[in-house]
Amino acid sequence: MSADTQLEQVKKLLQPLLTDDIFLVDMKIKPTNNFKIFLDADSGLGIEKCIRINRALYKIMEEMAIYPEGDFSLEVSSPGLGEPLKLNRQYIKNIGRDVEVTLNDGTVQEGKLLAATEEQIEIEFTEGKGKKAEIKKLEIPMADIKHTKVLIKF
């Protein structure tokens, strides 16, 4: 069974477990049948939700004997703070937060995420300092974005 087939099979089993506002961001499989499942939720994804889904999915996979020898493992987590946003739903969830957008040409633009659609995002940033400071808005087409990361400020 190819890695893609295995991922599709596990994705089908996972779907009914994604209740409320939980959604799949990404899924990877290592040659050792180690599944890494990255989930997120519009209201935030707590560790309890990850544990619940991990246990439920593990039980289903065990009962279906997908790996008769039991030689598989599951890791269910949120993508992590340093990971780039992958889905439009993640952009929407992070409206109001500061982001760093790296464009395909290597240009980096920081600002507050104001809006997001499937086609583009809009950010707001300050240009200049002191009395010359000017708040500007910039619309960036999704096609021009290499990746976007949420900036964590302390």
N, C-alpha and C. Protein backbone atom coordinates (compact mmCIF):
# COMPACT_ATOMS: atom_id res chain seq x y z
N MET A 1 0.85 -1.18 0.00
CA MET A 1 0.00 0.00 0.00
C MET A 1 0.89 1.25 0.00
N SER A 2 0.67 2.15 -0.95
CA SER A 2 1.50 3.36 -1.05
C SER A 2 1.20 4.32 0.11
N ALA A 3 2.13 5.22 0.34
CA ALA A 3 1.96 6.22 1.41
C ALA A 3 0.70 7.06 1.15
N ASP A 4 0.48 7.44 -0.12
CA ASP A 4 -0.71 8.24 -0.46
C ASP A 4 -2.00 7.48 -0.15
N THR A 5 -2.02 6.19 -0.47
CA THR A 5 -3.20 5.36 -0.20
C THR A 5 -3.43 5.27 1.30
N GLN A 6 -2.35 5.07 2.06
CA GLN A 6 -2.46 4.99 3.52
C GLN A 6 -2.99 6.31 4.09
N LEU A 7 -2.46 7.43 3.59
CA LEU A 7 -2.91 8.74 4.07
C LEU A 7 -4.38 8.95 3.77
N GLU A 8 -4.82 8.57 2.56
CA GLU A 8 -6.23 8.71 2.18
C GLU A 8 -7.12 7.88 3.09
N GLN A 9 -6.68 6.65 3.37
CA GLN A 9 -7.46 5.74 4.21
C GLN A 9 -7.62 6.33 5.62
N VAL A 10 -6.52 6.81 6.20
CA VAL A 10 -6.56 7.37 7.55
C VAL A 10 -7.37 8.68 7.56
N LYS A 11 -7.27 9.47 6.47
CA LYS A 11 -8.03 10.72 6.37
C LYS A 11 -9.53 10.43 6.42
N LYS A 12 -9.96 9.36 5.73
CA LYS A 12 -11.38 8.98 5.72
C LYS A 12 -11.85 8.59 7.12
N LEU A 13 -10.99 7.90 7.87
CA LEU A 13 -11.34 7.48 9.23
C LEU A 13 -11.34 8.67 10.19
N LEU A 14 -10.47 9.63 9.92
CA LEU A 14 -10.33 10.81 10.77
C LEU A 14 -11.51 11.77 10.63
N GLN A 15 -12.01 11.93 9.41
CA GLN A 15 -13.04 12.93 9.11
C GLN A 15 -14.21 12.96 10.10
N PRO A 16 -14.85 11.81 10.40
CA PRO A 16 -16.00 11.85 11.33
C PRO A 16 -15.61 12.28 12.76
N LEU A 17 -14.32 12.19 13.10
CA LEU A 17 -13.86 12.55 14.45
C LEU A 17 -13.63 14.06 14.59
N LEU A 18 -13.60 14.76 13.46
CA LEU A 18 -13.35 16.20 13.49
C LEU A 18 -14.67 16.94 13.74
N THR A 19 -15.04 16.98 15.02
CA THR A 19 -16.31 17.59 15.41
C THR A 19 -16.12 19.08 15.70
N ASP A 20 -17.21 19.74 15.93
CA ASP A 20 -17.22 21.18 16.23
C ASP A 20 -16.50 21.94 15.13
N ASP A 21 -15.49 22.71 15.52
CA ASP A 21 -14.79 23.55 14.53
C ASP A 21 -13.37 23.06 14.26
N ILE A 22 -13.12 21.78 14.52
CA ILE A 22 -11.79 21.21 14.30
C ILE A 22 -11.63 20.87 12.82
N PHE A 23 -10.45 21.18 12.27
CA PHE A 23 -10.20 20.86 10.86
C PHE A 23 -8.77 20.36 10.66
N LEU A 24 -8.61 19.57 9.60
CA LEU A 24 -7.31 19.01 9.25
C LEU A 24 -6.48 20.04 8.50
N VAL A 25 -5.24 20.25 8.95
CA VAL A 25 -4.33 21.18 8.28
C VAL A 25 -3.39 20.40 7.37
N ASP A 26 -2.81 19.33 7.90
CA ASP A 26 -1.83 18.56 7.14
C ASP A 26 -1.68 17.18 7.77
N MET A 27 -1.21 16.24 6.96
CA MET A 27 -0.98 14.89 7.45
C MET A 27 0.22 14.33 6.72
N LYS A 28 1.12 13.69 7.47
CA LYS A 28 2.31 13.09 6.88
C LYS A 28 2.45 11.68 7.42
N ILE A 29 3.16 10.86 6.66
CA ILE A 29 3.45 9.51 7.13
C ILE A 29 4.93 9.23 6.92
N LYS A 30 5.54 8.62 7.94
CA LYS A 30 6.94 8.23 7.83
C LYS A 30 6.98 6.76 7.45
N PRO A 31 8.09 6.30 6.88
CA PRO A 31 8.18 4.89 6.45
C PRO A 31 7.88 3.89 7.57
N THR A 32 8.02 4.31 8.82
CA THR A 32 7.76 3.43 9.96
C THR A 32 6.27 3.39 10.33
N ASN A 33 5.40 3.81 9.39
CA ASN A 33 3.95 3.88 9.64
C ASN A 33 3.62 4.82 10.81
N ASN A 34 4.43 5.87 10.94
CA ASN A 34 4.18 6.89 11.95
C ASN A 34 3.41 8.02 11.27
N PHE A 35 2.16 8.18 11.69
CA PHE A 35 1.31 9.22 11.13
C PHE A 35 1.42 10.48 11.97
N LYS A 36 1.73 11.59 11.32
CA LYS A 36 1.74 12.90 11.99
C LYS A 36 0.54 13.66 11.44
N ILE A 37 -0.40 13.95 12.33
CA ILE A 37 -1.64 14.61 11.93
C ILE A 37 -1.69 15.99 12.59
N PHE A 38 -1.79 17.02 11.75
CA PHE A 38 -1.83 18.39 12.26
C PHE A 38 -3.24 18.94 12.12
N LEU A 39 -3.85 19.26 13.25
CA LEU A 39 -5.21 19.77 13.28
C LEU A 39 -5.22 21.19 13.82
N ASP A 40 -6.29 21.90 13.56
CA ASP A 40 -6.48 23.21 14.14
C ASP A 40 -7.97 23.36 14.40
N ALA A 41 -8.35 24.40 15.12
CA ALA A 41 -9.76 24.66 15.38
C ALA A 41 -9.96 26.17 15.41
N ASP A 42 -11.09 26.60 14.90
CA ASP A 42 -11.38 28.03 14.86
C ASP A 42 -11.33 28.64 16.27
N SER A 43 -11.75 27.86 17.27
CA SER A 43 -11.79 28.35 18.65
C SER A 43 -10.52 27.99 19.42
N GLY A 44 -9.53 27.45 18.73
CA GLY A 44 -8.31 27.02 19.40
C GLY A 44 -8.36 25.53 19.67
N LEU A 45 -7.22 24.88 19.54
CA LEU A 45 -7.17 23.43 19.69
C LEU A 45 -6.39 23.08 20.95
N GLY A 46 -7.12 22.65 21.97
CA GLY A 46 -6.47 22.26 23.23
C GLY A 46 -5.93 20.84 23.15
N ILE A 47 -5.05 20.52 24.08
CA ILE A 47 -4.43 19.20 24.13
C ILE A 47 -5.48 18.10 24.33
N GLU A 48 -6.56 18.42 25.06
CA GLU A 48 -7.61 17.41 25.32
C GLU A 48 -8.23 16.94 24.01
N LYS A 49 -8.47 17.88 23.09
CA LYS A 49 -9.07 17.52 21.80
C LYS A 49 -8.12 16.62 21.01
N CYS A 50 -6.83 16.93 21.05
CA CYS A 50 -5.83 16.12 20.34
C CYS A 50 -5.80 14.70 20.91
N ILE A 51 -5.81 14.60 22.23
CA ILE A 51 -5.76 13.29 22.89
C ILE A 51 -7.01 12.48 22.53
N ARG A 52 -8.18 13.14 22.59
CA ARG A 52 -9.44 12.45 22.30
C ARG A 52 -9.43 11.89 20.87
N ILE A 53 -9.00 12.71 19.92
CA ILE A 53 -8.99 12.28 18.52
C ILE A 53 -7.94 11.20 18.31
N ASN A 54 -6.77 11.35 18.93
CA ASN A 54 -5.71 10.35 18.80
C ASN A 54 -6.21 8.99 19.29
N ARG A 55 -6.82 8.96 20.48
CA ARG A 55 -7.30 7.69 21.05
C ARG A 55 -8.38 7.06 20.18
N ALA A 56 -9.32 7.88 19.73
CA ALA A 56 -10.44 7.37 18.93
C ALA A 56 -9.93 6.81 17.59
N LEU A 57 -9.04 7.55 16.93
CA LEU A 57 -8.51 7.12 15.64
C LEU A 57 -7.66 5.86 15.79
N TYR A 58 -6.85 5.80 16.85
CA TYR A 58 -6.00 4.64 17.11
C TYR A 58 -6.86 3.39 17.28
N LYS A 59 -7.94 3.53 18.05
CA LYS A 59 -8.85 2.41 18.32
C LYS A 59 -9.47 1.90 17.01
N ILE A 60 -9.93 2.83 16.16
CA ILE A 60 -10.55 2.45 14.87
C ILE A 60 -9.53 1.72 14.00
N MET A 61 -8.31 2.27 13.92
CA MET A 61 -7.27 1.66 13.08
C MET A 61 -6.90 0.27 13.59
N GLU A 62 -6.89 0.12 14.91
CA GLU A 62 -6.58 -1.18 15.52
C GLU A 62 -7.68 -2.19 15.22
N GLU A 63 -8.95 -1.76 15.39
CA GLU A 63 -10.09 -2.65 15.15
C GLU A 63 -10.19 -3.06 13.69
N MET A 64 -9.83 -2.16 12.78
CA MET A 64 -9.89 -2.47 11.36
C MET A 64 -8.69 -3.31 10.91
N ALA A 65 -7.73 -3.47 11.78
CA ALA A 65 -6.51 -4.23 11.50
C ALA A 65 -5.84 -3.77 10.21
N ILE A 66 -5.73 -2.44 10.06
CA ILE A 66 -5.05 -1.89 8.89
C ILE A 66 -3.59 -2.33 8.91
N TYR A 67 -3.02 -2.35 10.12
CA TYR A 67 -1.66 -2.86 10.32
C TYR A 67 -1.78 -4.05 11.27
N PRO A 68 -1.93 -5.26 10.70
CA PRO A 68 -2.21 -6.45 11.51
C PRO A 68 -1.17 -6.68 12.63
N GLU A 69 0.08 -6.27 12.37
CA GLU A 69 1.12 -6.47 13.37
C GLU A 69 1.07 -5.36 14.44
N GLY A 70 0.21 -4.38 14.23
CA GLY A 70 0.11 -3.28 15.18
C GLY A 70 1.28 -2.32 15.09
N ASP A 71 2.00 -2.38 13.97
CA ASP A 71 3.21 -1.56 13.83
C ASP A 71 2.92 -0.20 13.19
N PHE A 72 2.17 0.62 13.93
CA PHE A 72 1.90 1.99 13.47
C PHE A 72 1.83 2.89 14.70
N SER A 73 2.00 4.16 14.49
CA SER A 73 1.86 5.11 15.59
C SER A 73 1.21 6.38 15.06
N LEU A 74 0.58 7.09 15.98
CA LEU A 74 -0.13 8.33 15.63
C LEU A 74 0.39 9.48 16.49
N GLU A 75 0.58 10.62 15.87
CA GLU A 75 0.87 11.85 16.60
C GLU A 75 -0.14 12.87 16.13
N VAL A 76 -0.98 13.33 17.04
CA VAL A 76 -1.99 14.33 16.70
C VAL A 76 -1.64 15.61 17.45
N SER A 77 -1.45 16.70 16.71
CA SER A 77 -1.11 17.97 17.36
C SER A 77 -1.56 19.14 16.48
N SER A 78 -1.41 20.34 17.03
CA SER A 78 -1.63 21.53 16.20
C SER A 78 -0.30 21.79 15.48
N PRO A 79 -0.32 22.55 14.39
CA PRO A 79 0.89 22.72 13.60
C PRO A 79 2.07 23.35 14.35
N GLY A 80 1.83 24.10 15.40
CA GLY A 80 2.93 24.73 16.12
C GLY A 80 3.09 26.18 15.68
N LEU A 81 3.62 26.99 16.57
CA LEU A 81 3.69 28.43 16.34
C LEU A 81 4.55 28.83 15.16
N GLY A 82 5.65 28.14 14.93
CA GLY A 82 6.56 28.54 13.85
C GLY A 82 6.13 28.08 12.47
N GLU A 83 5.09 27.26 12.41
CA GLU A 83 4.67 26.70 11.12
C GLU A 83 3.91 27.73 10.29
N PRO A 84 4.17 27.75 8.98
CA PRO A 84 3.42 28.67 8.12
C PRO A 84 1.95 28.29 8.03
N LEU A 85 1.11 29.29 7.78
CA LEU A 85 -0.33 29.04 7.58
C LEU A 85 -0.50 28.33 6.24
N LYS A 86 -1.34 27.31 6.21
CA LYS A 86 -1.54 26.54 4.99
C LYS A 86 -2.93 26.73 4.38
N LEU A 87 -3.92 26.90 5.23
CA LEU A 87 -5.30 26.96 4.75
C LEU A 87 -5.91 28.34 4.95
N ASN A 88 -6.84 28.69 4.07
CA ASN A 88 -7.56 29.96 4.20
C ASN A 88 -8.21 30.06 5.57
N ARG A 89 -8.71 28.94 6.07
CA ARG A 89 -9.37 28.93 7.38
C ARG A 89 -8.41 29.35 8.49
N GLN A 90 -7.12 29.02 8.33
CA GLN A 90 -6.12 29.44 9.32
C GLN A 90 -5.89 30.95 9.23
N TYR A 91 -5.90 31.49 8.01
CA TYR A 91 -5.75 32.94 7.84
C TYR A 91 -6.90 33.65 8.54
N ILE A 92 -8.12 33.17 8.30
CA ILE A 92 -9.31 33.79 8.89
C ILE A 92 -9.23 33.75 10.41
N LYS A 93 -8.81 32.61 10.95
CA LYS A 93 -8.69 32.45 12.40
C LYS A 93 -7.70 33.44 13.00
N ASN A 94 -6.69 33.84 12.22
CA ASN A 94 -5.63 34.72 12.72
C ASN A 94 -5.80 36.19 12.36
N ILE A 95 -6.98 36.57 11.86
CA ILE A 95 -7.25 37.98 11.58
C ILE A 95 -7.10 38.77 12.89
N GLY A 96 -6.40 39.91 12.80
CA GLY A 96 -6.16 40.72 13.99
C GLY A 96 -4.78 40.49 14.59
N ARG A 97 -4.11 39.43 14.16
CA ARG A 97 -2.77 39.13 14.68
C ARG A 97 -1.71 39.66 13.72
N ASP A 98 -0.51 39.84 14.26
CA ASP A 98 0.61 40.28 13.43
C ASP A 98 1.18 39.09 12.67
N VAL A 99 1.45 39.31 11.39
CA VAL A 99 1.98 38.25 10.55
C VAL A 99 3.22 38.72 9.78
N GLU A 100 4.00 37.75 9.35
CA GLU A 100 5.13 38.01 8.48
C GLU A 100 4.86 37.25 7.19
N VAL A 101 4.73 38.00 6.09
CA VAL A 101 4.40 37.41 4.80
C VAL A 101 5.65 37.42 3.93
N THR A 102 6.06 36.24 3.49
CA THR A 102 7.18 36.15 2.57
C THR A 102 6.61 35.91 1.19
N LEU A 103 6.95 36.80 0.26
CA LEU A 103 6.44 36.70 -1.10
C LEU A 103 7.34 35.80 -1.94
N ASN A 104 6.81 35.36 -3.08
CA ASN A 104 7.57 34.48 -3.97
C ASN A 104 8.90 35.09 -4.42
N ASP A 105 8.96 36.43 -4.48
CA ASP A 105 10.20 37.09 -4.92
C ASP A 105 11.18 37.30 -3.76
N GLY A 106 10.84 36.80 -2.56
CA GLY A 106 11.74 36.91 -1.41
C GLY A 106 11.47 38.11 -0.52
N THR A 107 10.63 39.04 -0.98
CA THR A 107 10.28 40.21 -0.18
C THR A 107 9.51 39.77 1.06
N VAL A 108 9.79 40.43 2.19
CA VAL A 108 9.09 40.12 3.43
C VAL A 108 8.33 41.36 3.87
N GLN A 109 7.06 41.17 4.23
CA GLN A 109 6.23 42.28 4.69
C GLN A 109 5.58 41.88 6.00
N GLU A 110 5.75 42.71 7.02
CA GLU A 110 5.10 42.44 8.31
C GLU A 110 3.92 43.38 8.47
N GLY A 111 2.92 42.92 9.18
CA GLY A 111 1.77 43.78 9.45
C GLY A 111 0.69 43.03 10.17
N LYS A 112 -0.40 43.74 10.46
CA LYS A 112 -1.55 43.12 11.12
C LYS A 112 -2.48 42.59 10.04
N LEU A 113 -2.86 41.32 10.17
CA LEU A 113 -3.76 40.70 9.21
C LEU A 113 -5.16 41.26 9.42
N LEU A 114 -5.69 41.93 8.41
CA LEU A 114 -7.01 42.57 8.51
C LEU A 114 -8.12 41.72 7.90
N ALA A 115 -7.79 41.03 6.80
CA ALA A 115 -8.82 40.26 6.09
C ALA A 115 -8.15 39.15 5.30
N ALA A 116 -8.94 38.12 4.98
CA ALA A 116 -8.43 37.00 4.19
C ALA A 116 -9.57 36.39 3.40
N THR A 117 -9.31 36.16 2.11
CA THR A 117 -10.25 35.42 1.26
C THR A 117 -9.43 34.34 0.56
N GLU A 118 -10.07 33.54 -0.24
CA GLU A 118 -9.35 32.51 -1.00
C GLU A 118 -8.37 33.16 -1.97
N GLU A 119 -8.68 34.39 -2.42
CA GLU A 119 -7.87 35.07 -3.44
C GLU A 119 -6.74 35.93 -2.89
N GLN A 120 -6.98 36.58 -1.71
CA GLN A 120 -5.98 37.52 -1.22
C GLN A 120 -6.10 37.76 0.28
N ILE A 121 -5.05 38.39 0.83
CA ILE A 121 -5.11 38.83 2.22
C ILE A 121 -4.88 40.35 2.23
N GLU A 122 -5.28 40.98 3.32
CA GLU A 122 -5.02 42.40 3.48
C GLU A 122 -4.32 42.60 4.81
N ILE A 123 -3.20 43.34 4.77
CA ILE A 123 -2.49 43.63 6.01
C ILE A 123 -2.35 45.14 6.18
N GLU A 124 -2.15 45.53 7.44
CA GLU A 124 -1.97 46.95 7.77
C GLU A 124 -0.61 47.07 8.46
N PHE A 125 0.16 48.09 8.07
CA PHE A 125 1.48 48.28 8.66
C PHE A 125 1.80 49.76 8.75
N THR A 126 2.76 50.09 9.57
CA THR A 126 3.17 51.49 9.74
C THR A 126 4.46 51.71 8.99
N GLU A 127 4.48 52.76 8.19
CA GLU A 127 5.68 53.10 7.43
C GLU A 127 6.21 54.41 7.97
N GLY A 128 7.51 54.48 8.21
CA GLY A 128 8.11 55.70 8.74
C GLY A 128 8.03 55.73 10.25
N LYS A 129 8.67 56.75 10.86
CA LYS A 129 8.70 56.84 12.32
C LYS A 129 8.25 58.23 12.77
N GLY A 130 7.86 58.31 14.03
CA GLY A 130 7.50 59.59 14.64
C GLY A 130 6.36 60.29 13.92
N LYS A 131 6.55 61.58 13.64
CA LYS A 131 5.51 62.37 12.99
C LYS A 131 5.29 61.96 11.54
N LYS A 132 6.30 61.32 10.95
CA LYS A 132 6.19 60.90 9.54
C LYS A 132 5.55 59.51 9.41
N ALA A 133 5.26 58.89 10.56
CA ALA A 133 4.66 57.56 10.53
C ALA A 133 3.30 57.60 9.83
N GLU A 134 3.10 56.62 8.98
CA GLU A 134 1.88 56.56 8.19
C GLU A 134 1.36 55.13 8.19
N ILE A 135 0.09 54.96 8.51
CA ILE A 135 -0.49 53.61 8.49
C ILE A 135 -0.95 53.31 7.07
N LYS A 136 -0.47 52.18 6.56
CA LYS A 136 -0.82 51.81 5.19
C LYS A 136 -1.47 50.43 5.18
N LYS A 137 -2.27 50.21 4.16
CA LYS A 137 -2.89 48.90 3.96
C LYS A 137 -2.36 48.34 2.65
N LEU A 138 -2.22 47.02 2.64
CA LEU A 138 -1.68 46.36 1.45
C LEU A 138 -2.48 45.09 1.19
N GLU A 139 -2.93 44.93 -0.04
CA GLU A 139 -3.60 43.69 -0.43
C GLU A 139 -2.58 42.83 -1.15
N ILE A 140 -2.49 41.58 -0.74
CA ILE A 140 -1.52 40.66 -1.33
C ILE A 140 -2.26 39.46 -1.90
N PRO A 141 -2.14 39.22 -3.22
CA PRO A 141 -2.79 38.03 -3.80
C PRO A 141 -2.18 36.75 -3.23
N MET A 142 -3.01 35.76 -2.95
CA MET A 142 -2.53 34.47 -2.42
C MET A 142 -1.47 33.87 -3.34
N ALA A 143 -1.63 34.08 -4.64
CA ALA A 143 -0.70 33.50 -5.62
C ALA A 143 0.72 34.05 -5.45
N ASP A 144 0.84 35.24 -4.84
CA ASP A 144 2.16 35.87 -4.65
C ASP A 144 2.82 35.46 -3.34
N ILE A 145 2.09 34.76 -2.48
CA ILE A 145 2.60 34.42 -1.15
C ILE A 145 3.34 33.09 -1.16
N LYS A 146 4.60 33.14 -0.72
CA LYS A 146 5.37 31.91 -0.55
C LYS A 146 4.93 31.24 0.75
N HIS A 147 4.96 32.02 1.86
CA HIS A 147 4.41 31.54 3.13
C HIS A 147 4.14 32.70 4.08
N THR A 148 3.25 32.45 5.04
CA THR A 148 2.87 33.44 6.04
C THR A 148 3.00 32.80 7.41
N LYS A 149 3.65 33.52 8.31
CA LYS A 149 3.78 33.03 9.69
C LYS A 149 3.18 34.06 10.63
N VAL A 150 2.54 33.56 11.69
CA VAL A 150 2.00 34.45 12.72
C VAL A 150 3.17 34.85 13.61
N LEU A 151 3.29 36.15 13.90
CA LEU A 151 4.35 36.64 14.77
C LEU A 151 3.88 36.59 16.21
N ILE A 152 4.67 36.01 17.05
CA ILE A 152 4.34 35.91 18.46
C ILE A 152 5.08 37.04 19.18
N LYS A 153 4.34 37.92 19.80
CA LYS A 153 4.97 39.05 20.51
C LYS A 153 4.79 38.89 22.00
N PHE A 154 5.87 39.17 22.71
CA PHE A 154 5.84 39.06 24.18
C PHE A 154 5.96 40.42 24.81
